N, C-alpha and C. Protein backbone atom coordinates (compact mmCIF):
# COMPACT_ATOMS: atom_id res chain seq x y z
N MET A 1 0.95 -1.14 0.24
CA MET A 1 0.02 -0.16 -0.15
C MET A 1 1.03 1.04 0.19
N SER A 2 0.59 2.16 -1.06
CA SER A 2 1.46 3.32 -0.73
C SER A 2 0.77 4.56 -0.32
N TYR A 3 1.35 5.18 0.65
CA TYR A 3 0.90 6.38 1.37
C TYR A 3 1.31 7.40 0.87
N LYS A 4 1.81 7.93 -0.74
CA LYS A 4 1.86 8.74 -0.88
C LYS A 4 0.71 9.60 -2.13
N THR A 5 0.54 10.70 -1.75
CA THR A 5 -0.47 11.39 -2.75
C THR A 5 -0.38 11.02 -4.21
N PRO A 6 -1.29 10.60 -5.01
CA PRO A 6 -0.80 10.22 -6.38
C PRO A 6 -0.77 11.32 -7.47
N GLY A 7 -0.08 11.72 -7.99
CA GLY A 7 0.06 13.30 -8.77
C GLY A 7 1.14 14.35 -8.33
N THR A 8 1.68 13.79 -7.28
CA THR A 8 2.29 14.75 -6.50
C THR A 8 4.11 14.01 -6.55
N SER A 9 5.03 14.97 -7.20
CA SER A 9 6.36 14.73 -7.07
C SER A 9 7.18 14.85 -5.78
N PRO A 10 7.81 14.45 -5.29
CA PRO A 10 8.85 14.90 -4.17
C PRO A 10 8.97 16.14 -4.15
N ALA A 11 9.45 16.99 -4.92
CA ALA A 11 9.60 18.53 -5.35
C ALA A 11 8.51 19.43 -5.18
N GLU A 12 7.05 18.80 -5.67
CA GLU A 12 5.91 19.49 -5.43
C GLU A 12 5.46 19.29 -3.52
N ARG A 13 5.48 18.35 -2.99
CA ARG A 13 5.15 18.12 -1.71
C ARG A 13 6.22 18.99 -0.83
N ASP A 14 7.45 19.29 -1.26
CA ASP A 14 8.04 19.90 -0.24
C ASP A 14 8.00 21.77 -0.81
N GLN A 15 7.36 21.73 -1.75
CA GLN A 15 6.88 23.36 -1.57
C GLN A 15 5.47 23.65 -0.58
N PRO A 16 6.12 24.82 0.02
CA PRO A 16 4.76 25.71 0.78
C PRO A 16 3.61 26.12 0.14
N PRO A 17 2.57 25.86 0.88
CA PRO A 17 1.38 26.13 0.35
C PRO A 17 1.36 27.78 -0.30
N ALA A 18 0.69 27.96 -1.33
CA ALA A 18 0.77 29.40 -1.56
C ALA A 18 0.03 30.14 -0.67
N GLU A 19 -0.56 29.76 0.28
CA GLU A 19 -1.55 30.89 1.07
C GLU A 19 -0.38 31.01 2.17
N LYS A 20 0.83 30.74 2.08
CA LYS A 20 1.76 31.18 3.48
C LYS A 20 2.81 32.41 3.57
N LYS A 21 2.93 33.01 4.33
CA LYS A 21 3.03 34.81 3.94
C LYS A 21 4.82 34.44 3.74
N PRO A 22 5.56 35.27 3.42
CA PRO A 22 7.08 34.84 2.84
C PRO A 22 7.50 35.26 4.55
N LEU A 23 8.65 34.49 4.48
CA LEU A 23 9.48 34.72 5.60
C LEU A 23 9.76 35.79 6.36
N LEU A 24 10.01 37.03 5.37
CA LEU A 24 9.96 38.53 5.83
C LEU A 24 8.81 38.75 7.00
N ASP A 25 7.80 38.57 6.48
CA ASP A 25 6.46 39.01 7.34
C ASP A 25 6.49 38.04 8.39
N ARG A 26 6.71 36.92 8.28
CA ARG A 26 6.93 36.50 9.51
C ARG A 26 7.96 36.64 10.79
N ILE A 27 9.21 36.87 10.13
CA ILE A 27 9.83 37.77 10.93
C ILE A 27 9.46 38.81 11.78
N MET A 28 8.93 39.91 10.60
CA MET A 28 8.38 40.99 11.29
C MET A 28 7.32 40.95 12.35
N LYS A 29 6.44 40.21 12.12
CA LYS A 29 5.45 39.71 13.20
C LYS A 29 6.04 39.44 14.25
N PHE A 30 7.31 38.13 14.67
CA PHE A 30 7.88 37.81 15.55
C PHE A 30 8.45 39.00 16.38
N ARG A 31 8.66 39.85 15.25
CA ARG A 31 9.76 41.32 16.64
C ARG A 31 8.53 41.98 16.90
N LYS A 32 7.59 41.80 16.41
CA LYS A 32 6.35 42.58 17.33
C LYS A 32 5.80 42.13 18.44
N TRP A 33 6.23 40.63 18.82
CA TRP A 33 5.73 40.04 19.95
C TRP A 33 6.72 39.62 20.78
N ARG A 34 8.22 39.77 20.25
CA ARG A 34 9.06 38.97 20.97
C ARG A 34 9.39 39.82 22.30
N ASN A 35 8.76 40.96 22.73
CA ASN A 35 9.09 41.59 24.06
C ASN A 35 7.85 40.98 24.95
N TRP A 36 6.99 40.63 24.26
CA TRP A 36 5.73 40.23 25.00
C TRP A 36 6.07 38.68 25.46
N ILE A 37 6.97 37.95 25.13
CA ILE A 37 7.67 36.77 25.19
C ILE A 37 8.74 37.08 26.32
N ALA A 38 9.62 38.09 25.80
CA ALA A 38 10.78 38.32 26.60
C ALA A 38 10.32 38.68 27.87
N ILE A 39 9.50 39.26 28.69
CA ILE A 39 9.28 40.08 29.79
C ILE A 39 8.47 38.86 30.46
N PRO A 40 8.04 38.42 30.24
CA PRO A 40 7.59 36.85 31.33
C PRO A 40 8.97 36.09 31.53
N LEU A 41 9.69 35.90 30.66
CA LEU A 41 10.89 34.77 30.64
C LEU A 41 11.56 35.60 31.63
N ILE A 42 11.88 36.76 31.67
CA ILE A 42 12.54 37.36 32.62
C ILE A 42 12.32 37.57 34.23
N ILE A 43 11.00 37.63 34.42
CA ILE A 43 10.34 37.77 35.37
C ILE A 43 10.59 35.96 36.13
N ILE A 44 10.19 34.97 35.18
CA ILE A 44 10.40 33.72 35.73
C ILE A 44 11.82 33.38 36.12
N GLY A 45 12.81 34.04 34.86
CA GLY A 45 13.98 33.73 35.64
C GLY A 45 14.58 34.38 36.92
N VAL A 46 13.89 35.45 37.01
CA VAL A 46 14.61 36.41 38.52
C VAL A 46 13.76 35.41 39.47
N VAL A 47 12.46 35.08 39.12
CA VAL A 47 12.16 33.82 40.25
C VAL A 47 12.60 32.45 40.51
N GLY A 48 13.40 32.31 39.35
CA GLY A 48 14.17 30.86 39.31
C GLY A 48 15.15 30.91 39.74
N LEU A 49 16.05 32.58 39.95
CA LEU A 49 17.02 32.47 40.85
C LEU A 49 16.93 31.98 42.07
N ALA A 50 15.66 32.31 42.78
CA ALA A 50 15.32 31.80 44.12
C ALA A 50 14.78 30.61 44.57
N LEU A 51 13.92 30.00 43.26
CA LEU A 51 13.68 28.85 43.54
C LEU A 51 14.52 27.73 42.87
N PRO A 52 14.89 26.72 43.68
CA PRO A 52 15.59 25.68 42.83
C PRO A 52 15.08 24.77 41.88
N ILE A 53 13.75 24.87 41.72
CA ILE A 53 13.26 24.01 40.74
C ILE A 53 13.18 24.78 39.29
N LEU A 54 13.24 26.19 39.46
CA LEU A 54 13.51 26.38 37.83
C LEU A 54 14.91 26.83 37.37
N PRO A 55 15.50 26.64 36.43
CA PRO A 55 16.88 26.90 36.09
C PRO A 55 16.67 28.74 35.73
N GLY A 56 17.00 29.39 36.64
CA GLY A 56 16.66 30.81 36.63
C GLY A 56 17.82 31.43 35.30
N ILE A 57 18.96 30.68 35.53
CA ILE A 57 19.97 31.83 34.76
C ILE A 57 19.47 31.45 33.64
N ALA A 58 19.16 30.33 33.07
CA ALA A 58 19.17 29.76 31.60
C ALA A 58 17.91 30.89 31.21
N ILE A 59 16.80 30.54 32.25
CA ILE A 59 15.51 31.56 31.48
C ILE A 59 15.72 32.78 31.52
N LEU A 60 16.65 33.56 32.45
CA LEU A 60 17.07 35.32 32.09
C LEU A 60 17.68 35.19 31.10
N PHE A 61 18.85 34.25 30.82
CA PHE A 61 19.18 34.78 29.80
C PHE A 61 18.83 34.66 28.24
N LEU A 62 17.68 33.86 28.27
CA LEU A 62 16.94 33.85 27.00
C LEU A 62 15.98 34.95 26.63
N GLY A 63 15.22 35.36 28.06
CA GLY A 63 14.56 36.60 28.34
C GLY A 63 15.57 37.96 27.44
N ILE A 64 17.04 38.05 28.11
CA ILE A 64 17.54 39.13 27.81
C ILE A 64 17.94 38.78 26.02
N LEU A 65 17.90 37.56 25.64
CA LEU A 65 18.94 37.51 24.11
C LEU A 65 17.63 37.88 23.59
N LEU A 66 16.32 37.60 24.01
CA LEU A 66 15.21 38.36 23.10
C LEU A 66 15.18 39.46 23.10
N ILE A 67 15.65 40.47 24.03
CA ILE A 67 15.35 41.96 24.18
C ILE A 67 16.50 42.25 23.46
N ASN A 68 17.76 42.16 24.02
CA ASN A 68 18.81 42.74 23.34
C ASN A 68 19.51 41.57 22.98
N PRO A 69 20.18 41.03 21.69
CA PRO A 69 21.02 40.24 21.59
C PRO A 69 22.38 40.50 21.71
N GLY A 70 22.55 41.79 21.38
CA GLY A 70 24.34 42.14 21.35
C GLY A 70 24.01 42.12 22.85
N LEU A 71 23.58 42.29 23.85
CA LEU A 71 24.02 42.26 25.26
C LEU A 71 23.99 40.95 26.12
N ALA A 72 23.42 40.30 25.56
CA ALA A 72 23.27 38.65 26.00
C ALA A 72 24.43 37.99 25.38
N TYR A 73 25.15 38.54 24.21
CA TYR A 73 26.47 37.89 23.84
C TYR A 73 27.37 38.61 24.66
N THR A 74 27.28 39.42 24.65
CA THR A 74 28.51 40.38 25.52
C THR A 74 28.29 39.41 27.31
N ILE A 75 27.13 39.78 27.81
CA ILE A 75 27.37 38.72 28.88
C ILE A 75 27.66 37.09 29.15
N LYS A 76 27.41 36.48 27.77
CA LYS A 76 28.08 35.10 27.89
C LYS A 76 29.30 34.90 27.22
N ASP A 77 29.91 36.15 26.93
CA ASP A 77 31.35 36.31 26.73
C ASP A 77 32.33 36.62 27.88
N LYS A 78 31.63 37.37 28.61
CA LYS A 78 32.24 37.75 30.06
C LYS A 78 32.31 36.79 30.81
N ILE A 79 30.86 35.88 30.92
CA ILE A 79 30.90 34.31 32.00
C ILE A 79 31.95 33.45 31.22
N ILE A 80 31.96 33.42 30.32
CA ILE A 80 33.11 32.54 29.62
C ILE A 80 34.42 32.53 29.98
N GLN A 81 34.89 34.08 30.01
CA GLN A 81 36.02 34.69 30.42
C GLN A 81 36.45 34.55 31.74
N LEU A 82 35.19 34.77 32.56
CA LEU A 82 35.08 34.54 33.90
C LEU A 82 35.51 33.17 34.20
N TYR A 83 35.12 31.99 33.72
CA TYR A 83 35.25 31.00 33.81
C TYR A 83 36.72 30.24 33.50
N LYS A 84 37.37 31.00 32.50
CA LYS A 84 38.94 30.41 32.12
C LYS A 84 39.39 31.21 33.00
N ASN A 85 38.89 32.46 33.42
CA ASN A 85 40.40 33.02 34.44
C ASN A 85 40.07 31.91 35.75
N ILE A 86 38.74 31.76 36.20
CA ILE A 86 38.66 30.74 37.78
C ILE A 86 39.46 29.32 37.30
N MET A 87 39.48 28.93 36.12
CA MET A 87 40.10 27.44 35.82
C MET A 87 41.65 27.44 35.79
N LYS A 88 41.95 28.66 35.73
CA LYS A 88 43.32 28.72 35.22
C LYS A 88 44.26 28.07 36.92
């Protein structure tokens, strides 16, 4: 028994449907919503610093990454540099 749809080639099945928005439109829509995602992540991250159940630093870092990627990479580089200095 064949599970393929008759009359469609693999190239045709891999094409997105015509009603999908282009990637740029999807990116712009995400940019509008990323602060609404980042703020709760930062709040949960701060709470996670006090509660041992939640991975506070990781969630806090994700929130910062969404708001300001440059700052997040700067923090990451400083943490790596600090870790290397401690391990010497």
